[in-house]
Amino acid sequence: AGVQRRTFARLDTLDEPSGDDPRFTMPAHMDPRLRKPGKKTVALGLGLTFVGCVLLGCYLLWYFGFMPIPDDEERGTSLALLVLGCITLAPGLYVTMILAAVWRGVPGFTYEMIPSFED
């Protein structure tokens, strides 16, 4: 008995804000999605990818017997190659794949997804 029913009225279409209002558009030079990453960020991404590929390549060469490692150092060296290769390859591929996707124009990818190292 004490519950009141509220009715809501639809706003007039003239009162609704449109997406063309210049007060709410961001200038292109301030839009973080359009800001290209710095040289350090690109170099770090490509460098980590390269180092990770080299380390994992060395691990695979050892694993298949093409690169001998002395027996007394075998366990630590091979494990270090594998772990360091994975640790460097993962973030390097992340940055490199986002750079490639943005460069190719894949929808949903922006430069904003890449952490910046330009401090």
C-alpha atoms as a PDB file:
ATOM      1  CA  ALA A   1       0.000   0.000   0.000  1.00  0.00           C
ATOM      2  CA  GLY A   2       2.946   2.315   0.752  1.00  0.00           C
ATOM      3  CA  VAL A   3       4.800   1.590  -2.511  1.00  0.00           C
ATOM      4  CA  GLN A   4       4.593   4.363  -5.057  1.00  0.00           C
ATOM      5  CA  ARG A   5       5.105   3.630  -8.662  1.00  0.00           C
ATOM      6  CA  ARG A   6       7.351   6.106 -10.462  1.00  0.00           C
ATOM      7  CA  THR A   7       6.975   6.792 -14.107  1.00  0.00           C
ATOM      8  CA  PHE A   8       9.790   8.093 -16.209  1.00  0.00           C
ATOM      9  CA  ALA A   9       9.350  10.093 -19.350  1.00  0.00           C
ATOM     10  CA  ARG A  10      11.671   9.851 -22.326  1.00  0.00           C
ATOM     11  CA  LEU A  11      13.703  12.939 -23.038  1.00  0.00           C
ATOM     12  CA  ASP A  12      13.009  14.810 -26.176  1.00  0.00           C
ATOM     13  CA  THR A  13      15.473  14.028 -28.967  1.00  0.00           C
ATOM     14  CA  LEU A  14      16.509  17.684 -29.059  1.00  0.00           C
ATOM     15  CA  ASP A  15      17.681  17.482 -25.437  1.00  0.00           C
ATOM     16  CA  GLU A  16      19.970  14.491 -26.034  1.00  0.00           C
ATOM     17  CA  PRO A  17      23.625  15.386 -26.578  1.00  0.00           C
ATOM     18  CA  SER A  18      25.025  14.459 -29.943  1.00  0.00           C
ATOM     19  CA  GLY A  19      28.480  13.017 -30.560  1.00  0.00           C
ATOM     20  CA  ASP A  20      29.417  16.024 -32.687  1.00  0.00           C
ATOM     21  CA  ASP A  21      29.762  18.497 -29.830  1.00  0.00           C
ATOM     22  CA  PRO A  22      33.237  20.097 -30.222  1.00  0.00           C
ATOM     23  CA  ARG A  23      33.449  20.710 -26.471  1.00  0.00           C
ATOM     24  CA  PHE A  24      33.781  16.984 -25.838  1.00  0.00           C
ATOM     25  CA  THR A  25      36.085  15.900 -28.637  1.00  0.00           C
ATOM     26  CA  MET A  26      39.724  15.327 -27.833  1.00  0.00           C
ATOM     27  CA  PRO A  27      42.306  16.928 -30.116  1.00  0.00           C
ATOM     28  CA  ALA A  28      44.378  14.401 -32.050  1.00  0.00           C
ATOM     29  CA  HIS A  29      47.652  15.535 -30.461  1.00  0.00           C
ATOM     30  CA  MET A  30      46.291  14.774 -26.962  1.00  0.00           C
ATOM     31  CA  ASP A  31      44.574  11.455 -27.696  1.00  0.00           C
ATOM     32  CA  PRO A  32      46.642   8.688 -26.035  1.00  0.00           C
ATOM     33  CA  ARG A  33      45.264   6.106 -28.463  1.00  0.00           C
ATOM     34  CA  LEU A  34      46.832   7.941 -31.402  1.00  0.00           C
ATOM     35  CA  ARG A  35      50.134   8.835 -29.736  1.00  0.00           C
ATOM     36  CA  LYS A  36      52.882   6.718 -31.240  1.00  0.00           C
ATOM     37  CA  PRO A  37      55.254   4.940 -28.854  1.00  0.00           C
ATOM     38  CA  GLY A  38      58.726   6.333 -28.355  1.00  0.00           C
ATOM     39  CA  LYS A  39      61.942   4.952 -29.779  1.00  0.00           C
ATOM     40  CA  LYS A  40      62.963   3.406 -26.443  1.00  0.00           C
ATOM     41  CA  THR A  41      59.717   1.448 -26.194  1.00  0.00           C
ATOM     42  CA  VAL A  42      60.009   0.102 -29.727  1.00  0.00           C
ATOM     43  CA  ALA A  43      63.697  -0.733 -29.266  1.00  0.00           C
ATOM     44  CA  LEU A  44      63.000  -2.493 -25.963  1.00  0.00           C
ATOM     45  CA  GLY A  45      60.189  -4.560 -27.462  1.00  0.00           C
ATOM     46  CA  LEU A  46      62.195  -5.623 -30.493  1.00  0.00           C
ATOM     47  CA  GLY A  47      65.339  -6.177 -28.410  1.00  0.00           C
ATOM     48  CA  LEU A  48      63.560  -8.407 -25.894  1.00  0.00           C
ATOM     49  CA  THR A  49      62.029 -10.419 -28.732  1.00  0.00           C
ATOM     50  CA  PHE A  50      65.436 -10.874 -30.357  1.00  0.00           C
ATOM     51  CA  VAL A  51      67.207 -11.844 -27.113  1.00  0.00           C
ATOM     52  CA  GLY A  52      64.411 -14.250 -26.189  1.00  0.00           C
ATOM     53  CA  CYS A  53      64.572 -15.929 -29.594  1.00  0.00           C
ATOM     54  CA  VAL A  54      68.358 -16.280 -29.359  1.00  0.00           C
ATOM     55  CA  LEU A  55      68.208 -17.761 -25.842  1.00  0.00           C
ATOM     56  CA  LEU A  56      65.436 -20.207 -26.719  1.00  0.00           C
ATOM     57  CA  GLY A  57      67.275 -21.081 -29.927  1.00  0.00           C
ATOM     58  CA  CYS A  58      70.403 -21.892 -27.918  1.00  0.00           C
ATOM     59  CA  TYR A  59      68.312 -24.000 -25.559  1.00  0.00           C
ATOM     60  CA  LEU A  60      66.842 -25.943 -28.490  1.00  0.00           C
ATOM     61  CA  LEU A  61      70.300 -26.451 -29.986  1.00  0.00           C
ATOM     62  CA  TRP A  62      71.467 -27.901 -26.650  1.00  0.00           C
ATOM     63  CA  TYR A  63      68.313 -29.990 -26.254  1.00  0.00           C
ATOM     64  CA  PHE A  64      68.701 -31.648 -29.659  1.00  0.00           C
ATOM     65  CA  GLY A  65      72.433 -32.174 -29.152  1.00  0.00           C
ATOM     66  CA  PHE A  66      73.851 -29.661 -31.651  1.00  0.00           C
ATOM     67  CA  MET A  67      75.474 -27.429 -29.000  1.00  0.00           C
ATOM     68  CA  PRO A  68      77.446 -29.173 -26.269  1.00  0.00           C
ATOM     69  CA  ILE A  69      77.491 -27.777 -22.750  1.00  0.00           C
ATOM     70  CA  PRO A  70      80.046 -29.201 -20.245  1.00  0.00           C
ATOM     71  CA  ASP A  71      78.483 -31.844 -17.980  1.00  0.00           C
ATOM     72  CA  ASP A  72      79.284 -30.094 -14.706  1.00  0.00           C
ATOM     73  CA  GLU A  73      77.392 -26.971 -15.833  1.00  0.00           C
ATOM     74  CA  GLU A  74      74.711 -28.651 -17.907  1.00  0.00           C
ATOM     75  CA  ARG A  75      71.740 -28.445 -15.557  1.00  0.00           C
ATOM     76  CA  GLY A  76      72.130 -24.828 -14.497  1.00  0.00           C
ATOM     77  CA  THR A  77      73.054 -23.478 -17.909  1.00  0.00           C
ATOM     78  CA  SER A  78      70.310 -25.215 -19.830  1.00  0.00           C
ATOM     79  CA  LEU A  79      67.675 -24.232 -17.275  1.00  0.00           C
ATOM     80  CA  ALA A  80      68.934 -20.644 -17.317  1.00  0.00           C
ATOM     81  CA  LEU A  81      68.670 -20.541 -21.112  1.00  0.00           C
ATOM     82  CA  LEU A  82      65.098 -21.798 -20.964  1.00  0.00           C
ATOM     83  CA  VAL A  83      63.905 -19.523 -18.133  1.00  0.00           C
ATOM     84  CA  LEU A  84      65.628 -16.367 -19.371  1.00  0.00           C
ATOM     85  CA  GLY A  85      64.465 -17.072 -22.916  1.00  0.00           C
ATOM     86  CA  CYS A  86      60.837 -17.302 -21.791  1.00  0.00           C
ATOM     87  CA  ILE A  87      61.126 -14.264 -19.506  1.00  0.00           C
ATOM     88  CA  THR A  88      62.521 -12.069 -22.278  1.00  0.00           C
ATOM     89  CA  LEU A  89      60.435 -13.438 -25.141  1.00  0.00           C
ATOM     90  CA  ALA A  90      57.017 -12.982 -23.496  1.00  0.00           C
ATOM     91  CA  PRO A  91      57.036  -9.173 -23.018  1.00  0.00           C
ATOM     92  CA  GLY A  92      58.964  -8.662 -26.231  1.00  0.00           C
ATOM     93  CA  LEU A  93      56.359 -10.538 -28.252  1.00  0.00           C
ATOM     94  CA  TYR A  94      53.566  -8.676 -26.456  1.00  0.00           C
ATOM     95  CA  VAL A  95      54.920  -5.277 -27.520  1.00  0.00           C
ATOM     96  CA  THR A  96      55.930  -6.460 -30.993  1.00  0.00           C
ATOM     97  CA  MET A  97      52.551  -8.036 -31.734  1.00  0.00           C
ATOM     98  CA  ILE A  98      50.662  -4.911 -30.640  1.00  0.00           C
ATOM     99  CA  LEU A  99      52.962  -2.706 -32.738  1.00  0.00           C
ATOM    100  CA  ALA A 100      52.377  -4.941 -35.762  1.00  0.00           C
ATOM    101  CA  ALA A 101      48.596  -5.033 -35.216  1.00  0.00           C
ATOM    102  CA  VAL A 102      48.336  -1.244 -34.893  1.00  0.00           C
ATOM    103  CA  TRP A 103      50.575  -0.738 -37.923  1.00  0.00           C
ATOM    104  CA  ARG A 104      48.368  -3.091 -39.973  1.00  0.00           C
ATOM    105  CA  GLY A 105      45.200  -1.344 -38.737  1.00  0.00           C
ATOM    106  CA  VAL A 106      43.613  -4.278 -36.918  1.00  0.00           C
ATOM    107  CA  PRO A 107      40.510  -2.983 -35.096  1.00  0.00           C
ATOM    108  CA  GLY A 108      40.726  -3.035 -31.307  1.00  0.00           C
ATOM    109  CA  PHE A 109      44.483  -2.454 -31.080  1.00  0.00           C
ATOM    110  CA  THR A 110      45.879   0.932 -30.062  1.00  0.00           C
ATOM    111  CA  TYR A 111      49.260   2.282 -29.043  1.00  0.00           C
ATOM    112  CA  GLU A 112      47.713   2.908 -25.620  1.00  0.00           C
ATOM    113  CA  MET A 113      47.996  -0.849 -24.916  1.00  0.00           C
ATOM    114  CA  ILE A 114      51.806  -0.645 -24.851  1.00  0.00           C
ATOM    115  CA  PRO A 115      53.482   0.449 -21.612  1.00  0.00           C
ATOM    116  CA  SER A 116      55.759   3.431 -22.114  1.00  0.00           C
ATOM    117  CA  PHE A 117      59.425   3.512 -21.063  1.00  0.00           C
ATOM    118  CA  GLU A 118      60.064   7.108 -22.102  1.00  0.00           C
ATOM    119  CA  ASP A 119      60.570   8.687 -18.675  1.00  0.00           C
END
